[in-house]
Amino acid sequence: MSQTVKELHEKRMKMWDESIENHKKYIDPKTGLFLDKFTKIRTCPVCDSKKYISIFSKEGGTYVKCKECTMVYLNPVFTDEAIVDYYQTNHTEQSEVVESDTDNFYTGIYNGGLQTIKKCNSNISKILDIGCSSGTFLDLAKQQNLITYGVELNKAEFEFAKKKGHRVFNELLENISFDTKFDAITMWDVFEHIIDGKFYLNTMKNLLNDNGVIFLQIPSSDALAAKILQEHCNMYDGLEHVNLYGVNTIKQLAKKCDLEVLDLKTVISEIGVINNFLGYENPYLGDTTNKEFIPNLIDEEKLHETLQGYKLQVTLGQKK
């Protein structure tokens, strides 16, 4: 029997609830928004424009869309000091969900990413995963005879990954002095948490060997689920997901960093979530079993063909 969308999402709801609970101490109960002492106003993280329209507020944060390049981002955003403190003391629910991946959901996604990386760079030996959590992706990379490095700010998850034998650092990337360069650098559902994406792409680029690649998996603001559900979509969490790139905005940012797009596709359709919502049910806890097509609209194959899946996988290389 087909597994319902509800069954797929129930165990992930605990992670969402823990994140929202952790937000509360930063929110002004009078306004429902984050306290000014934790935040700062910024320009568009892709084109630096000051022109934007407000979309909606959620869980303390306000999402806006740039009028110039269409980038969707949080404004105001947490200060660097506040966000580091948040991640260092945050819950470990993400690693617990991934480590207990009994349906092999994450394993399939991770292995697919490794295949894409090897397609773009066949001579890969050393890999660095930024925001490696408890090291599940690095475990798979190690099984494929890769030399594994990781960066993780959460102290509990850092210790867990370290005990597995990975070379892991509990520091911001820009503060680490590596004794080597890498054939691939990955960010799995991390780049959307980075306030200054341009700075981080350039930092990663300088850590690559010749022909090295950068692999990003990020939630996509072009996703059909995000556009239909909007504030009801878990992509918009109000604090952690500070930059929500689409196909064109991630291409623009890569170009600014002299990186070329080697591969770009979407994964995870969220068609079941959309069908729940269109059926007037809770999008994540409704009972639909239809995860293959939206009646009279689109099927899963076409959705990914048109890059409207929930998450973008982008592989970048240095321009020759």
C-alpha atoms as a PDB file:
ATOM      1  CA  MET A   1       0.000   0.000   0.000  1.00  0.00           C
ATOM      2  CA  SER A   2       1.282   3.470  -0.886  1.00  0.00           C
ATOM      3  CA  GLN A   3       2.667   5.408   2.049  1.00  0.00           C
ATOM      4  CA  THR A   4       0.666   8.581   2.739  1.00  0.00           C
ATOM      5  CA  VAL A   5       2.165  12.051   2.753  1.00  0.00           C
ATOM      6  CA  LYS A   6       1.108  12.236   6.400  1.00  0.00           C
ATOM      7  CA  GLU A   7       3.254   9.209   7.283  1.00  0.00           C
ATOM      8  CA  LEU A   8       6.208  10.659   5.406  1.00  0.00           C
ATOM      9  CA  HIS A   9       6.024  13.995   7.231  1.00  0.00           C
ATOM     10  CA  GLU A  10       4.964  13.058  10.749  1.00  0.00           C
ATOM     11  CA  LYS A  11       8.473  12.282  12.000  1.00  0.00           C
ATOM     12  CA  ARG A  12       9.792  15.455  10.391  1.00  0.00           C
ATOM     13  CA  MET A  13       7.184  17.576  12.190  1.00  0.00           C
ATOM     14  CA  LYS A  14       9.081  17.093  15.445  1.00  0.00           C
ATOM     15  CA  MET A  15      12.091  18.799  13.868  1.00  0.00           C
ATOM     16  CA  TRP A  16       9.908  21.710  12.729  1.00  0.00           C
ATOM     17  CA  ASP A  17       8.290  22.065  16.163  1.00  0.00           C
ATOM     18  CA  GLU A  18      11.676  22.065  17.896  1.00  0.00           C
ATOM     19  CA  SER A  19      12.957  24.796  15.554  1.00  0.00           C
ATOM     20  CA  ILE A  20       9.920  27.007  16.140  1.00  0.00           C
ATOM     21  CA  GLU A  21      10.190  26.494  19.902  1.00  0.00           C
ATOM     22  CA  ASN A  22      13.789  27.712  19.708  1.00  0.00           C
ATOM     23  CA  HIS A  23      12.662  30.869  17.869  1.00  0.00           C
ATOM     24  CA  LYS A  24      10.434  32.123  20.666  1.00  0.00           C
ATOM     25  CA  LYS A  25      13.145  33.637  22.839  1.00  0.00           C
ATOM     26  CA  TYR A  26      14.080  35.988  19.986  1.00  0.00           C
ATOM     27  CA  ILE A  27      10.549  37.278  19.298  1.00  0.00           C
ATOM     28  CA  ASP A  28       8.898  40.418  20.664  1.00  0.00           C
ATOM     29  CA  PRO A  29       5.527  39.194  22.017  1.00  0.00           C
ATOM     30  CA  LYS A  30       3.996  42.606  21.283  1.00  0.00           C
ATOM     31  CA  THR A  31       4.762  42.632  17.550  1.00  0.00           C
ATOM     32  CA  GLY A  32       5.222  38.938  16.804  1.00  0.00           C
ATOM     33  CA  LEU A  33       8.472  39.846  15.024  1.00  0.00           C
ATOM     34  CA  PHE A  34      12.102  39.338  16.006  1.00  0.00           C
ATOM     35  CA  LEU A  35      13.514  41.818  18.485  1.00  0.00           C
ATOM     36  CA  ASP A  36      15.534  44.595  16.832  1.00  0.00           C
ATOM     37  CA  LYS A  37      18.628  43.790  18.929  1.00  0.00           C
ATOM     38  CA  PHE A  38      19.003  40.486  17.069  1.00  0.00           C
ATOM     39  CA  THR A  39      18.467  41.768  13.531  1.00  0.00           C
ATOM     40  CA  LYS A  40      19.743  44.078  10.791  1.00  0.00           C
ATOM     41  CA  ILE A  41      18.272  45.487   7.568  1.00  0.00           C
ATOM     42  CA  ARG A  42      20.025  44.490   4.344  1.00  0.00           C
ATOM     43  CA  THR A  43      19.962  44.881   0.569  1.00  0.00           C
ATOM     44  CA  CYS A  44      19.237  42.040  -1.854  1.00  0.00           C
ATOM     45  CA  PRO A  45      21.852  39.289  -1.354  1.00  0.00           C
ATOM     46  CA  VAL A  46      22.116  38.710  -5.128  1.00  0.00           C
ATOM     47  CA  CYS A  47      21.938  42.134  -6.845  1.00  0.00           C
ATOM     48  CA  ASP A  48      22.284  44.561  -3.873  1.00  0.00           C
ATOM     49  CA  SER A  49      19.066  46.373  -4.769  1.00  0.00           C
ATOM     50  CA  LYS A  50      17.189  48.167  -2.000  1.00  0.00           C
ATOM     51  CA  LYS A  51      13.866  47.769  -3.817  1.00  0.00           C
ATOM     52  CA  TYR A  52      11.613  44.990  -2.634  1.00  0.00           C
ATOM     53  CA  ILE A  53       8.036  44.059  -1.863  1.00  0.00           C
ATOM     54  CA  SER A  54       7.013  42.384   1.378  1.00  0.00           C
ATOM     55  CA  ILE A  55       5.446  38.957   0.842  1.00  0.00           C
ATOM     56  CA  PHE A  56       4.446  37.790   4.326  1.00  0.00           C
ATOM     57  CA  SER A  57       5.670  37.453   7.913  1.00  0.00           C
ATOM     58  CA  LYS A  58       6.017  34.094   9.620  1.00  0.00           C
ATOM     59  CA  GLU A  59       7.395  32.882  12.968  1.00  0.00           C
ATOM     60  CA  GLY A  60       9.038  36.246  13.693  1.00  0.00           C
ATOM     61  CA  GLY A  61      10.602  36.942  10.288  1.00  0.00           C
ATOM     62  CA  THR A  62       9.449  38.818   7.173  1.00  0.00           C
ATOM     63  CA  TYR A  63      10.057  37.511   3.655  1.00  0.00           C
ATOM     64  CA  VAL A  64      10.471  39.960   0.791  1.00  0.00           C
ATOM     65  CA  LYS A  65      10.999  39.682  -2.972  1.00  0.00           C
ATOM     66  CA  CYS A  66      13.567  41.818  -4.788  1.00  0.00           C
ATOM     67  CA  LYS A  67      11.966  44.007  -7.459  1.00  0.00           C
ATOM     68  CA  GLU A  68      15.102  43.828  -9.614  1.00  0.00           C
ATOM     69  CA  CYS A  69      16.163  40.141  -9.676  1.00  0.00           C
ATOM     70  CA  THR A  70      13.159  38.398  -7.959  1.00  0.00           C
ATOM     71  CA  MET A  71      15.312  36.974  -5.119  1.00  0.00           C
ATOM     72  CA  VAL A  72      13.241  35.937  -2.077  1.00  0.00           C
ATOM     73  CA  TYR A  73      14.933  36.632   1.258  1.00  0.00           C
ATOM     74  CA  LEU A  74      14.423  37.521   4.918  1.00  0.00           C
ATOM     75  CA  ASN A  75      14.612  41.231   5.706  1.00  0.00           C
ATOM     76  CA  PRO A  76      15.532  42.120   8.378  1.00  0.00           C
ATOM     77  CA  VAL A  77      17.873  39.220   9.028  1.00  0.00           C
ATOM     78  CA  PHE A  78      19.691  38.026  12.143  1.00  0.00           C
ATOM     79  CA  THR A  79      23.057  39.601  12.913  1.00  0.00           C
ATOM     80  CA  ASP A  80      26.118  37.375  12.472  1.00  0.00           C
ATOM     81  CA  GLU A  81      26.586  37.082  16.238  1.00  0.00           C
ATOM     82  CA  ALA A  82      22.958  36.152  16.889  1.00  0.00           C
ATOM     83  CA  ILE A  83      22.818  33.502  14.172  1.00  0.00           C
ATOM     84  CA  VAL A  84      26.061  31.809  15.300  1.00  0.00           C
ATOM     85  CA  ASP A  85      24.722  31.632  18.851  1.00  0.00           C
ATOM     86  CA  TYR A  86      21.471  30.191  17.548  1.00  0.00           C
ATOM     87  CA  TYR A  87      23.133  27.380  15.585  1.00  0.00           C
ATOM     88  CA  GLN A  88      25.646  26.466  18.271  1.00  0.00           C
ATOM     89  CA  THR A  89      22.859  25.896  20.794  1.00  0.00           C
ATOM     90  CA  ASN A  90      20.158  24.639  18.441  1.00  0.00           C
ATOM     91  CA  HIS A  91      18.422  21.269  18.744  1.00  0.00           C
ATOM     92  CA  THR A  92      19.737  18.069  17.138  1.00  0.00           C
ATOM     93  CA  GLU A  93      16.431  16.921  15.641  1.00  0.00           C
ATOM     94  CA  GLN A  94      17.742  17.159  12.056  1.00  0.00           C
ATOM     95  CA  SER A  95      20.507  14.645  12.697  1.00  0.00           C
ATOM     96  CA  GLU A  96      18.132  12.358  14.614  1.00  0.00           C
ATOM     97  CA  VAL A  97      15.664  12.323  11.698  1.00  0.00           C
ATOM     98  CA  VAL A  98      18.409  11.633   9.153  1.00  0.00           C
ATOM     99  CA  GLU A  99      20.148   9.008  11.294  1.00  0.00           C
ATOM    100  CA  SER A 100      16.830   7.134  11.673  1.00  0.00           C
ATOM    101  CA  ASP A 101      16.232   7.132   7.912  1.00  0.00           C
ATOM    102  CA  THR A 102      14.442   3.781   7.793  1.00  0.00           C
ATOM    103  CA  ASP A 103      12.795   4.497   4.422  1.00  0.00           C
ATOM    104  CA  ASN A 104      16.185   5.435   2.871  1.00  0.00           C
ATOM    105  CA  PHE A 105      14.830   8.814   1.787  1.00  0.00           C
ATOM    106  CA  TYR A 106      18.020  10.725   2.617  1.00  0.00           C
ATOM    107  CA  THR A 107      20.277   7.884   1.497  1.00  0.00           C
ATOM    108  CA  GLY A 108      18.727   7.996  -1.967  1.00  0.00           C
ATOM    109  CA  ILE A 109      19.065  11.764  -2.214  1.00  0.00           C
ATOM    110  CA  TYR A 110      22.685  11.706  -0.985  1.00  0.00           C
ATOM    111  CA  ASN A 111      23.738   8.909  -3.330  1.00  0.00           C
ATOM    112  CA  GLY A 112      22.137  10.754  -6.225  1.00  0.00           C
ATOM    113  CA  GLY A 113      24.169  13.823  -5.310  1.00  0.00           C
ATOM    114  CA  LEU A 114      27.379  11.817  -5.220  1.00  0.00           C
ATOM    115  CA  GLN A 115      26.626  10.473  -8.700  1.00  0.00           C
ATOM    116  CA  THR A 116      26.132  14.019  -9.997  1.00  0.00           C
ATOM    117  CA  ILE A 117      29.384  15.178  -8.391  1.00  0.00           C
ATOM    118  CA  LYS A 118      31.312  12.295  -9.963  1.00  0.00           C
ATOM    119  CA  LYS A 119      29.728  13.024 -13.338  1.00  0.00           C
ATOM    120  CA  CYS A 120      31.017  16.600 -13.127  1.00  0.00           C
ATOM    121  CA  ASN A 121      34.423  15.632 -11.686  1.00  0.00           C
ATOM    122  CA  SER A 122      35.436  12.024 -12.290  1.00  0.00           C
ATOM    123  CA  ASN A 123      38.739  12.412 -10.420  1.00  0.00           C
ATOM    124  CA  ILE A 124      37.485  12.920  -6.878  1.00  0.00           C
ATOM    125  CA  SER A 125      39.336  11.927  -3.722  1.00  0.00           C
ATOM    126  CA  LYS A 126      38.795  14.519  -0.973  1.00  0.00           C
ATOM    127  CA  ILE A 127      35.373  15.900  -0.117  1.00  0.00           C
ATOM    128  CA  LEU A 128      34.327  18.610   2.355  1.00  0.00           C
ATOM    129  CA  ASP A 129      30.729  18.791   3.615  1.00  0.00           C
ATOM    130  CA  ILE A 130      29.806  22.133   5.187  1.00  0.00           C
ATOM    131  CA  GLY A 131      27.036  21.861   7.762  1.00  0.00           C
ATOM    132  CA  CYS A 132      27.653  18.120   7.937  1.00  0.00           C
ATOM    133  CA  SER A 133      25.375  17.570  10.956  1.00  0.00           C
ATOM    134  CA  SER A 134      26.064  14.105  12.418  1.00  0.00           C
ATOM    135  CA  GLY A 135      27.949  13.035   9.280  1.00  0.00           C
ATOM    136  CA  THR A 136      25.415  10.831   7.492  1.00  0.00           C
ATOM    137  CA  PHE A 137      26.376  12.096   4.032  1.00  0.00           C
ATOM    138  CA  LEU A 138      30.063  11.747   4.909  1.00  0.00           C
ATOM    139  CA  ASP A 139      29.384   8.137   5.960  1.00  0.00           C
ATOM    140  CA  LEU A 140      28.158   7.386   2.436  1.00  0.00           C
ATOM    141  CA  ALA A 141      31.083   9.238   0.876  1.00  0.00           C
ATOM    142  CA  LYS A 142      33.491   7.255   3.037  1.00  0.00           C
ATOM    143  CA  GLN A 143      31.877   4.014   1.900  1.00  0.00           C
ATOM    144  CA  GLN A 144      32.796   5.092  -1.631  1.00  0.00           C
ATOM    145  CA  ASN A 145      36.450   5.416  -0.575  1.00  0.00           C
ATOM    146  CA  LEU A 146      36.487   9.218  -0.365  1.00  0.00           C
ATOM    147  CA  ILE A 147      38.559  11.093   2.230  1.00  0.00           C
ATOM    148  CA  THR A 148      35.985  12.965   4.283  1.00  0.00           C
ATOM    149  CA  TYR A 149      36.083  16.378   5.948  1.00  0.00           C
ATOM    150  CA  GLY A 150      33.235  18.276   7.594  1.00  0.00           C
ATOM    151  CA  VAL A 151      32.283  21.576   9.191  1.00  0.00           C
ATOM    152  CA  GLU A 152      29.494  21.696  11.799  1.00  0.00           C
ATOM    153  CA  LEU A 153      28.597  24.541  14.185  1.00  0.00           C
ATOM    154  CA  ASN A 154      26.231  22.545  16.386  1.00  0.00           C
ATOM    155  CA  LYS A 155      28.481  21.180  19.130  1.00  0.00           C
ATOM    156  CA  ALA A 156      26.557  17.962  19.793  1.00  0.00           C
ATOM    157  CA  GLU A 157      26.381  17.046  16.096  1.00  0.00           C
ATOM    158  CA  PHE A 158      30.053  17.981  15.624  1.00  0.00           C
ATOM    159  CA  GLU A 159      31.061  15.530  18.363  1.00  0.00           C
ATOM    160  CA  PHE A 160      28.885  12.804  16.848  1.00  0.00           C
ATOM    161  CA  ALA A 161      30.427  13.194  13.380  1.00  0.00           C
ATOM    162  CA  LYS A 162      33.931  13.342  14.849  1.00  0.00           C
ATOM    163  CA  LYS A 163      33.445  10.048  16.695  1.00  0.00           C
ATOM    164  CA  LYS A 164      32.662   8.409  13.365  1.00  0.00           C
ATOM    165  CA  GLY A 165      36.193   9.154  12.184  1.00  0.00           C
ATOM    166  CA  HIS A 166      35.544  12.115   9.919  1.00  0.00           C
ATOM    167  CA  ARG A 167      37.863  15.141  10.052  1.00  0.00           C
ATOM    168  CA  VAL A 168      35.393  17.676  11.432  1.00  0.00           C
ATOM    169  CA  PHE A 169      35.752  21.324  12.474  1.00  0.00           C
ATOM    170  CA  ASN A 170      33.514  23.203  14.918  1.00  0.00           C
ATOM    171  CA  GLU A 171      34.274  26.650  13.479  1.00  0.00           C
ATOM    172  CA  LEU A 172      32.965  29.009  10.834  1.00  0.00           C
ATOM    173  CA  LEU A 173      34.393  28.071   7.438  1.00  0.00           C
ATOM    174  CA  GLU A 174      36.240  31.360   7.058  1.00  0.00           C
ATOM    175  CA  ASN A 175      38.091  30.774  10.345  1.00  0.00           C
ATOM    176  CA  ILE A 176      39.464  27.335   9.422  1.00  0.00           C
ATOM    177  CA  SER A 177      42.970  26.772   8.035  1.00  0.00           C
ATOM    178  CA  PHE A 178      42.829  23.516   6.069  1.00  0.00           C
ATOM    179  CA  ASP A 179      46.006  21.604   5.263  1.00  0.00           C
ATOM    180  CA  THR A 180      44.629  20.533   1.889  1.00  0.00           C
ATOM    181  CA  LYS A 181      42.345  21.490  -0.977  1.00  0.00           C
ATOM    182  CA  PHE A 182      39.264  19.587  -2.078  1.00  0.00           C
ATOM    183  CA  ASP A 183      37.892  17.931  -5.192  1.00  0.00           C
ATOM    184  CA  ALA A 184      34.321  18.593  -4.080  1.00  0.00           C
ATOM    185  CA  ILE A 185      32.666  20.798  -1.480  1.00  0.00           C
ATOM    186  CA  THR A 186      29.039  20.127  -0.591  1.00  0.00           C
ATOM    187  CA  MET A 187      26.293  21.993   1.226  1.00  0.00           C
ATOM    188  CA  TRP A 188      23.198  19.903   1.816  1.00  0.00           C
ATOM    189  CA  ASP A 189      20.286  22.188   2.773  1.00  0.00           C
ATOM    190  CA  VAL A 190      22.762  24.668   4.245  1.00  0.00           C
ATOM    191  CA  PHE A 191      23.379  27.402   1.662  1.00  0.00           C
ATOM    192  CA  GLU A 192      19.914  28.882   2.262  1.00  0.00           C
ATOM    193  CA  HIS A 193      21.041  29.497   5.860  1.00  0.00           C
ATOM    194  CA  ILE A 194      24.026  31.600   4.718  1.00  0.00           C
ATOM    195  CA  ILE A 195      23.401  35.362   4.808  1.00  0.00           C
ATOM    196  CA  ASP A 196      26.258  36.314   2.455  1.00  0.00           C
ATOM    197  CA  GLY A 197      26.106  33.679  -0.261  1.00  0.00           C
ATOM    198  CA  LYS A 198      28.584  35.491  -2.517  1.00  0.00           C
ATOM    199  CA  PHE A 199      31.254  35.511   0.206  1.00  0.00           C
ATOM    200  CA  TYR A 200      30.786  31.805   0.882  1.00  0.00           C
ATOM    201  CA  LEU A 201      30.889  30.792  -2.779  1.00  0.00           C
ATOM    202  CA  ASN A 202      34.154  32.688  -3.196  1.00  0.00           C
ATOM    203  CA  THR A 203      35.531  31.153   0.002  1.00  0.00           C
ATOM    204  CA  MET A 204      34.654  27.644  -1.188  1.00  0.00           C
ATOM    205  CA  LYS A 205      36.047  28.322  -4.654  1.00  0.00           C
ATOM    206  CA  ASN A 206      39.431  29.145  -3.107  1.00  0.00           C
ATOM    207  CA  LEU A 207      39.443  25.769  -1.338  1.00  0.00           C
ATOM    208  CA  LEU A 208      39.022  23.745  -4.545  1.00  0.00           C
ATOM    209  CA  ASN A 209      41.612  21.797  -6.480  1.00  0.00           C
ATOM    210  CA  ASP A 210      41.753  22.194 -10.256  1.00  0.00           C
ATOM    211  CA  ASN A 211      38.489  20.825 -11.693  1.00  0.00           C
ATOM    212  CA  GLY A 212      36.979  20.850  -8.189  1.00  0.00           C
ATOM    213  CA  VAL A 213      33.232  21.354  -7.882  1.00  0.00           C
ATOM    214  CA  ILE A 214      30.764  22.906  -5.450  1.00  0.00           C
ATOM    215  CA  PHE A 215      27.492  21.032  -4.932  1.00  0.00           C
ATOM    216  CA  LEU A 216      24.502  22.776  -3.352  1.00  0.00           C
ATOM    217  CA  GLN A 217      21.092  21.393  -2.448  1.00  0.00           C
ATOM    218  CA  ILE A 218      18.765  24.270  -1.607  1.00  0.00           C
ATOM    219  CA  PRO A 219      15.018  24.807  -1.295  1.00  0.00           C
ATOM    220  CA  SER A 220      13.775  26.565  -4.423  1.00  0.00           C
ATOM    221  CA  SER A 221      11.594  29.674  -4.437  1.00  0.00           C
ATOM    222  CA  ASP A 222      10.564  28.511  -7.932  1.00  0.00           C
ATOM    223  CA  ALA A 223       9.086  25.316  -6.490  1.00  0.00           C
ATOM    224  CA  LEU A 224       5.427  24.822  -7.340  1.00  0.00           C
ATOM    225  CA  ALA A 225       4.777  23.844  -3.712  1.00  0.00           C
ATOM    226  CA  ALA A 226       6.332  27.081  -2.417  1.00  0.00           C
ATOM    227  CA  LYS A 227       4.316  29.242  -4.813  1.00  0.00           C
ATOM    228  CA  ILE A 228       1.013  27.528  -4.038  1.00  0.00           C
ATOM    229  CA  LEU A 229       1.406  27.132  -0.266  1.00  0.00           C
ATOM    230  CA  GLN A 230       3.404  30.346   0.366  1.00  0.00           C
ATOM    231  CA  GLU A 231       3.327  31.040   4.129  1.00  0.00           C
ATOM    232  CA  HIS A 232       1.922  27.542   4.755  1.00  0.00           C
ATOM    233  CA  CYS A 233       5.040  26.005   3.209  1.00  0.00           C
ATOM    234  CA  ASN A 234       7.742  24.728   5.573  1.00  0.00           C
ATOM    235  CA  MET A 235      10.362  26.223   3.266  1.00  0.00           C
ATOM    236  CA  TYR A 236       9.522  29.525   4.925  1.00  0.00           C
ATOM    237  CA  ASP A 237      10.560  29.091   8.553  1.00  0.00           C
ATOM    238  CA  GLY A 238      11.085  32.771   9.399  1.00  0.00           C
ATOM    239  CA  LEU A 239      14.636  32.532  10.786  1.00  0.00           C
ATOM    240  CA  GLU A 240      16.970  29.860   9.422  1.00  0.00           C
ATOM    241  CA  HIS A 241      16.079  30.034   5.726  1.00  0.00           C
ATOM    242  CA  VAL A 242      17.396  33.523   5.093  1.00  0.00           C
ATOM    243  CA  ASN A 243      17.940  33.265   1.302  1.00  0.00           C
ATOM    244  CA  LEU A 244      15.596  31.325  -0.980  1.00  0.00           C
ATOM    245  CA  TYR A 245      17.138  31.145  -4.427  1.00  0.00           C
ATOM    246  CA  GLY A 246      15.364  30.227  -7.629  1.00  0.00           C
ATOM    247  CA  VAL A 247      16.859  28.966 -10.886  1.00  0.00           C
ATOM    248  CA  ASN A 248      17.749  32.417 -12.225  1.00  0.00           C
ATOM    249  CA  THR A 249      18.952  33.937  -8.948  1.00  0.00           C
ATOM    250  CA  ILE A 250      21.365  31.083  -8.160  1.00  0.00           C
ATOM    251  CA  LYS A 251      22.709  31.392 -11.711  1.00  0.00           C
ATOM    252  CA  GLN A 252      23.191  35.137 -11.237  1.00  0.00           C
ATOM    253  CA  LEU A 253      25.043  34.623  -7.971  1.00  0.00           C
ATOM    254  CA  ALA A 254      27.299  31.950  -9.478  1.00  0.00           C
ATOM    255  CA  LYS A 255      28.152  34.243 -12.390  1.00  0.00           C
ATOM    256  CA  LYS A 256      29.157  37.013  -9.972  1.00  0.00           C
ATOM    257  CA  CYS A 257      31.607  34.558  -8.392  1.00  0.00           C
ATOM    258  CA  ASP A 258      33.056  33.459 -11.775  1.00  0.00           C
ATOM    259  CA  LEU A 259      31.526  30.018 -11.394  1.00  0.00           C
ATOM    260  CA  GLU A 260      29.732  28.137 -14.128  1.00  0.00           C
ATOM    261  CA  VAL A 261      26.711  25.885 -13.717  1.00  0.00           C
ATOM    262  CA  LEU A 262      27.749  22.334 -14.616  1.00  0.00           C
ATOM    263  CA  ASP A 263      24.511  20.643 -13.616  1.00  0.00           C
ATOM    264  CA  LEU A 264      21.134  21.845 -12.353  1.00  0.00           C
ATOM    265  CA  LYS A 265      18.025  19.838 -11.531  1.00  0.00           C
ATOM    266  CA  THR A 266      15.247  19.591  -8.968  1.00  0.00           C
ATOM    267  CA  VAL A 267      14.404  16.777  -6.561  1.00  0.00           C
ATOM    268  CA  ILE A 268      11.427  16.091  -4.261  1.00  0.00           C
ATOM    269  CA  SER A 269       8.155  17.016  -5.937  1.00  0.00           C
ATOM    270  CA  GLU A 270       5.945  17.672  -2.862  1.00  0.00           C
ATOM    271  CA  ILE A 271       2.993  16.785  -5.119  1.00  0.00           C
ATOM    272  CA  GLY A 272       1.321  14.977  -2.211  1.00  0.00           C
ATOM    273  CA  VAL A 273       1.663  18.089  -0.056  1.00  0.00           C
ATOM    274  CA  ILE A 274       0.110  20.221  -2.801  1.00  0.00           C
ATOM    275  CA  ASN A 275      -2.764  17.747  -3.279  1.00  0.00           C
ATOM    276  CA  ASN A 276      -3.516  17.864   0.444  1.00  0.00           C
ATOM    277  CA  PHE A 277      -3.586  21.666   0.379  1.00  0.00           C
ATOM    278  CA  LEU A 278      -5.752  21.837  -2.755  1.00  0.00           C
ATOM    279  CA  GLY A 279      -8.100  19.369  -1.045  1.00  0.00           C
ATOM    280  CA  TYR A 280      -8.556  21.750   1.911  1.00  0.00           C
ATOM    281  CA  GLU A 281      -6.482  19.581   4.245  1.00  0.00           C
ATOM    282  CA  ASN A 282      -3.345  20.257   6.260  1.00  0.00           C
ATOM    283  CA  PRO A 283      -0.663  20.099   3.534  1.00  0.00           C
ATOM    284  CA  TYR A 284       1.696  17.975   5.621  1.00  0.00           C
ATOM    285  CA  LEU A 285      -0.751  15.928   7.669  1.00  0.00           C
ATOM    286  CA  GLY A 286      -3.532  15.281   5.172  1.00  0.00           C
ATOM    287  CA  ASP A 287      -4.302  11.757   4.019  1.00  0.00           C
ATOM    288  CA  THR A 288      -3.696  11.793   0.276  1.00  0.00           C
ATOM    289  CA  THR A 289      -1.737   8.918  -1.235  1.00  0.00           C
ATOM    290  CA  ASN A 290      -1.356  10.653  -4.601  1.00  0.00           C
ATOM    291  CA  LYS A 291       2.267  11.778  -4.795  1.00  0.00           C
ATOM    292  CA  GLU A 292       2.640  11.300  -8.568  1.00  0.00           C
ATOM    293  CA  PHE A 293       0.470  13.964 -10.228  1.00  0.00           C
ATOM    294  CA  ILE A 294      -1.755  16.980  -9.577  1.00  0.00           C
ATOM    295  CA  PRO A 295      -5.052  16.258 -11.346  1.00  0.00           C
ATOM    296  CA  ASN A 296      -5.505  18.257 -14.569  1.00  0.00           C
ATOM    297  CA  LEU A 297      -2.286  20.185 -13.946  1.00  0.00           C
ATOM    298  CA  ILE A 298       1.098  18.407 -13.915  1.00  0.00           C
ATOM    299  CA  ASP A 299       2.819  15.110 -13.130  1.00  0.00           C
ATOM    300  CA  GLU A 300       6.093  14.468 -11.310  1.00  0.00           C
ATOM    301  CA  GLU A 301       8.177  13.984 -14.466  1.00  0.00           C
ATOM    302  CA  LYS A 302       7.013  17.248 -16.030  1.00  0.00           C
ATOM    303  CA  LEU A 303       7.415  19.105 -12.749  1.00  0.00           C
ATOM    304  CA  HIS A 304      11.116  18.211 -12.529  1.00  0.00           C
ATOM    305  CA  GLU A 305      11.611  18.702 -16.267  1.00  0.00           C
ATOM    306  CA  THR A 306      10.471  22.315 -15.807  1.00  0.00           C
ATOM    307  CA  LEU A 307      12.587  22.739 -12.636  1.00  0.00           C
ATOM    308  CA  GLN A 308       9.607  23.221 -10.326  1.00  0.00           C
ATOM    309  CA  GLY A 309      10.639  20.626  -7.743  1.00  0.00           C
ATOM    310  CA  TYR A 310      10.933  21.513  -4.072  1.00  0.00           C
ATOM    311  CA  LYS A 311      14.734  21.537  -3.963  1.00  0.00           C
ATOM    312  CA  LEU A 312      17.381  22.602  -6.448  1.00  0.00           C
ATOM    313  CA  GLN A 313      20.597  20.629  -6.827  1.00  0.00           C
ATOM    314  CA  VAL A 314      23.251  22.850  -8.363  1.00  0.00           C
ATOM    315  CA  THR A 315      26.789  21.795  -9.267  1.00  0.00           C
ATOM    316  CA  LEU A 316      29.244  24.624  -9.908  1.00  0.00           C
ATOM    317  CA  GLY A 317      32.736  24.658 -11.365  1.00  0.00           C
ATOM    318  CA  GLN A 318      35.429  27.256 -11.922  1.00  0.00           C
ATOM    319  CA  LYS A 319      35.361  28.997 -15.280  1.00  0.00           C
ATOM    320  CA  LYS A 320      38.200  27.879 -17.534  1.00  0.00           C
END
